Protein backbone atom coordinates (compact mmCIF):
# COMPACT_ATOMS: atom_id res chain seq x y z
CA UNK A 1 18.60 9.41 -12.14
CA UNK A 2 21.84 9.27 -13.22
CA UNK A 3 22.08 5.85 -11.75
CA UNK A 4 19.73 4.11 -12.55
CA UNK A 5 19.97 4.88 -16.13
CA UNK A 6 23.24 3.38 -16.50
CA UNK A 7 21.26 0.05 -15.42
CA UNK A 8 18.81 -0.22 -17.11
CA UNK A 9 21.47 0.41 -19.76
CA UNK A 10 23.35 -2.49 -18.78
CA UNK A 11 20.73 -4.68 -18.90
CA UNK A 12 17.30 -3.54 -19.30
CA UNK A 13 14.65 -5.02 -16.27
CA UNK A 14 11.08 -2.87 -15.41
CA UNK A 15 11.58 -0.50 -12.80
CA UNK A 16 9.58 -1.32 -9.79
CA UNK A 17 9.16 1.91 -6.91
CA UNK A 18 7.41 1.30 -3.66
CA UNK A 19 6.59 3.20 -0.69
CA UNK A 20 4.60 3.41 2.58
CA UNK A 21 3.15 6.52 3.68
CA UNK A 22 5.37 9.52 2.01
CA UNK A 23 7.45 7.50 0.79
CA UNK A 24 3.90 5.58 -0.95
CA UNK A 25 2.97 9.68 -2.71
CA UNK A 26 7.05 10.09 -3.42
CA UNK A 27 7.30 6.71 -5.01
CA UNK A 28 4.11 7.90 -7.43
CA UNK A 29 5.27 11.00 -7.87
CA UNK A 30 8.54 9.52 -8.77
CA UNK A 31 7.45 6.70 -11.18
CA UNK A 32 6.26 9.71 -13.47
CA UNK A 33 9.13 11.08 -13.88
CA UNK A 34 11.58 7.75 -13.95
CA UNK A 35 9.10 6.90 -16.48
CA UNK A 36 9.39 10.76 -18.49
CA UNK A 37 12.87 10.92 -17.93
CA UNK A 38 14.24 7.33 -19.06
CA UNK A 39 11.41 7.06 -21.72
CA UNK A 40 9.92 3.44 -20.45
CA UNK A 41 7.00 1.51 -22.15
CA UNK A 42 4.12 0.97 -19.97
CA UNK A 43 5.05 -2.99 -18.47
CA UNK A 44 8.68 -1.42 -17.61
CA UNK A 45 7.63 0.21 -14.82
CA UNK A 46 5.29 -0.52 -11.68
CA UNK A 47 4.76 1.02 -8.65
CA UNK A 48 3.28 0.30 -5.50
CA UNK A 49 2.58 1.85 -2.27
CA UNK A 50 1.29 1.32 0.87
CA UNK A 51 -0.90 3.76 3.38
CA UNK A 52 -0.14 6.42 1.69
CA UNK A 53 -1.46 10.04 0.82
CA UNK A 54 -3.50 11.18 -1.74
CA UNK A 55 -0.48 12.79 -4.01
CA UNK A 56 -2.95 15.17 -7.30
CA UNK A 57 -5.59 16.90 -8.54
CA UNK A 58 -8.22 15.32 -11.00
CA UNK A 59 -5.96 16.64 -14.01
CA UNK A 60 -2.78 14.77 -12.57
CA UNK A 61 -4.68 12.02 -12.34
CA UNK A 62 -5.60 11.41 -16.40
CA UNK A 63 -1.78 11.98 -17.31
CA UNK A 64 -0.83 9.68 -14.57
CA UNK A 65 -2.93 6.39 -14.88
CA UNK A 66 -2.56 7.08 -18.70
CA UNK A 67 1.94 7.58 -18.15
CA UNK A 68 2.16 4.54 -15.67
CA UNK A 69 -0.88 2.23 -15.98
CA UNK A 70 0.69 -0.53 -13.77
CA UNK A 71 0.05 0.82 -10.06
CA UNK A 72 -1.69 -0.50 -7.24
CA UNK A 73 -2.02 1.62 -4.25
CA UNK A 74 -2.06 -0.94 -0.70
CA UNK A 75 -4.82 -0.17 1.85
CA UNK A 76 -6.09 -0.96 4.71
CA UNK A 77 -9.94 -0.20 6.05
CA UNK A 78 -9.16 1.42 9.09
CA UNK A 79 -5.58 3.40 7.72
CA UNK A 80 -7.07 7.54 8.20
CA UNK A 81 -4.02 9.01 5.98
CA UNK A 82 -5.21 7.03 2.81
CA UNK A 83 -8.08 9.14 2.73
CA UNK A 84 -6.52 12.13 3.12
CA UNK A 85 -5.78 15.27 2.35
CA UNK A 86 -10.12 15.81 1.89
CA UNK A 87 -10.58 18.15 -0.96
CA UNK A 88 -8.95 18.91 -4.21
CA UNK A 89 -6.47 15.09 -4.08
CA UNK A 90 -7.49 12.11 -6.11
CA UNK A 91 -6.13 8.75 -5.27
CA UNK A 92 -3.80 7.32 -8.55
CA UNK A 93 -4.02 3.68 -9.87
CA UNK A 94 -6.15 0.57 -8.87
CA UNK A 95 -7.31 0.56 -5.43
CA UNK A 96 -6.88 -2.72 -3.25
CA UNK A 97 -8.08 -2.79 -0.32
CA UNK A 98 -7.37 -4.80 2.41
CA UNK A 99 -9.63 -5.08 5.70
CA UNK A 100 -8.43 -6.42 9.19
CA UNK A 101 -10.19 -9.50 8.43
CA UNK A 102 -7.80 -10.47 5.75
CA UNK A 103 -9.79 -9.72 3.10
CA UNK A 104 -8.70 -8.64 0.11
CA UNK A 105 -10.81 -5.93 -2.81
CA UNK A 106 -9.47 -4.97 -6.44
CA UNK A 107 -10.89 -1.60 -6.98
CA UNK A 108 -14.09 -1.68 -5.42
CA UNK A 109 -16.85 0.05 -6.43
CA UNK A 110 -17.57 3.79 -4.46
CA UNK A 111 -20.40 2.13 -2.48
CA UNK A 112 -17.93 -1.31 -1.62
CA UNK A 113 -15.55 1.69 -0.89
CA UNK A 114 -18.07 3.84 1.87
CA UNK A 115 -19.08 -0.27 3.41
CA UNK A 116 -15.83 -0.90 4.11
CA UNK A 117 -14.05 1.92 5.40
CA UNK A 118 -17.21 3.22 7.62
CA UNK A 119 -15.19 1.15 10.74
CA UNK A 120 -13.35 4.14 12.57
CA UNK A 121 -10.37 4.94 11.00
CA UNK A 122 -7.22 5.92 12.78
CA UNK A 123 -3.47 7.24 12.73
CA UNK A 124 -3.24 3.16 13.84
CA UNK A 125 -3.66 1.14 11.17
CA UNK A 126 -1.45 3.37 9.16
CA UNK A 127 1.42 1.41 11.22
CA UNK A 128 3.37 -0.80 9.04
CA UNK A 129 2.83 -3.85 11.05
CA UNK A 130 -1.02 -2.80 10.98
CA UNK A 131 -0.38 -3.59 7.33
CA UNK A 132 1.49 -6.54 7.79
CA UNK A 133 -1.05 -8.23 10.38
CA UNK A 134 -3.20 -7.74 6.94
CA UNK A 135 -1.74 -9.44 4.45
CA UNK A 136 -0.64 -12.11 7.13
CA UNK A 137 -4.10 -13.07 8.00
CA UNK A 138 -4.59 -12.70 4.07
CA UNK A 139 -2.30 -15.70 3.94
CA UNK A 140 -3.50 -17.11 6.55
CA UNK A 141 -7.76 -17.33 5.19
CA UNK A 142 -6.82 -18.02 1.77
CA UNK A 143 -3.31 -19.38 1.70
CA UNK A 144 -2.98 -21.46 4.53
CA UNK A 145 -0.49 -23.83 3.08
CA UNK A 146 1.72 -20.14 1.98
CA UNK A 147 3.58 -18.11 5.15
CA UNK A 148 6.43 -16.07 3.92
CA UNK A 149 9.50 -15.90 6.08
CA UNK A 150 10.08 -12.42 5.68
CA UNK A 151 6.32 -11.59 7.67
CA UNK A 152 8.18 -12.87 10.86
CA UNK A 153 8.28 -9.39 12.21
CA UNK A 154 8.75 -8.69 15.65
CA UNK A 155 6.31 -6.15 17.91
CA UNK A 156 8.29 -4.25 21.63
CA UNK A 157 6.78 -5.98 24.21
CA UNK A 158 5.14 -2.98 25.75
CA UNK A 159 3.40 -2.09 22.55
CA UNK A 160 1.61 -6.11 23.04
CA UNK A 161 -1.28 -5.42 24.68
CA UNK A 162 -1.80 -1.90 22.90
CA UNK A 163 -2.55 -3.72 19.77
CA UNK A 164 -4.39 -7.17 20.92
CA UNK A 165 -6.98 -4.64 22.75
CA UNK A 166 -7.21 -2.14 18.93
CA UNK A 167 -7.15 -4.82 16.53
CA UNK A 168 -9.45 -6.98 18.63
CA UNK A 169 -9.50 -10.67 17.04
CA UNK A 170 -7.27 -9.30 14.92
CA UNK A 171 -4.52 -9.04 16.73
CA UNK A 172 -4.07 -12.80 17.30
CA UNK A 173 -1.79 -12.57 14.62
CA UNK A 174 0.55 -10.29 17.85
CA UNK A 175 0.78 -13.16 20.26
CA UNK A 176 3.86 -15.73 18.27
CA UNK A 177 5.61 -12.05 17.55
CA UNK A 178 6.28 -9.80 21.06
CA UNK A 179 10.17 -9.00 21.08
C-alpha cells in the first residue's frame, strides 16, 4: 500500500485493479481497501474481474457498490466458477456476460442471465483462453476491422483436440493458435 501511496503522491492517477478467478475476488476486496485507505474518489478507482467467484454477502455488497461503483465483473456464460459459492454470497458491481458466440450482455436481467447461462457450465470454460476466445469472437463478429495484437495466444498442441471438441464452433477460433 505504501508503494501505491507513494506513486499517487508523486502523480495523481486512477488506480485499476484486475484479476482472474481467485485473483479477481482478491482484486475486488483490494479495491475497497485501496479506496478507503487512500481516500480515493469514485472516479479514481476501477476494478475489472474475469471469472471471479462471489466474494461478499448482501451487507458487503451495499457498502462495496457505493464506494467502488466502477466495478465490472466479466463472466463467460458457461463458466461454473462465477456462480460459486451458491449460498450466502452475492455478486458485486456490474455484470458483463460473454457468450461463447461472441455476444456481450451488460447487466442482463435475472431472467436473461438464467437463459444465457442455461447451457452446461463447467470448469473448462473458466480457463483464461476460453475468455480470450470469447472476446476474440466478439471482436470478429462486431468489430470486423479490429483485432488486438495481444490476442495471439498459443494453445499447446496436446490440448487442441480437447478445445475443439469441447467448444464446438466456438473452437474454430483455436485452429490458427496451436503452439
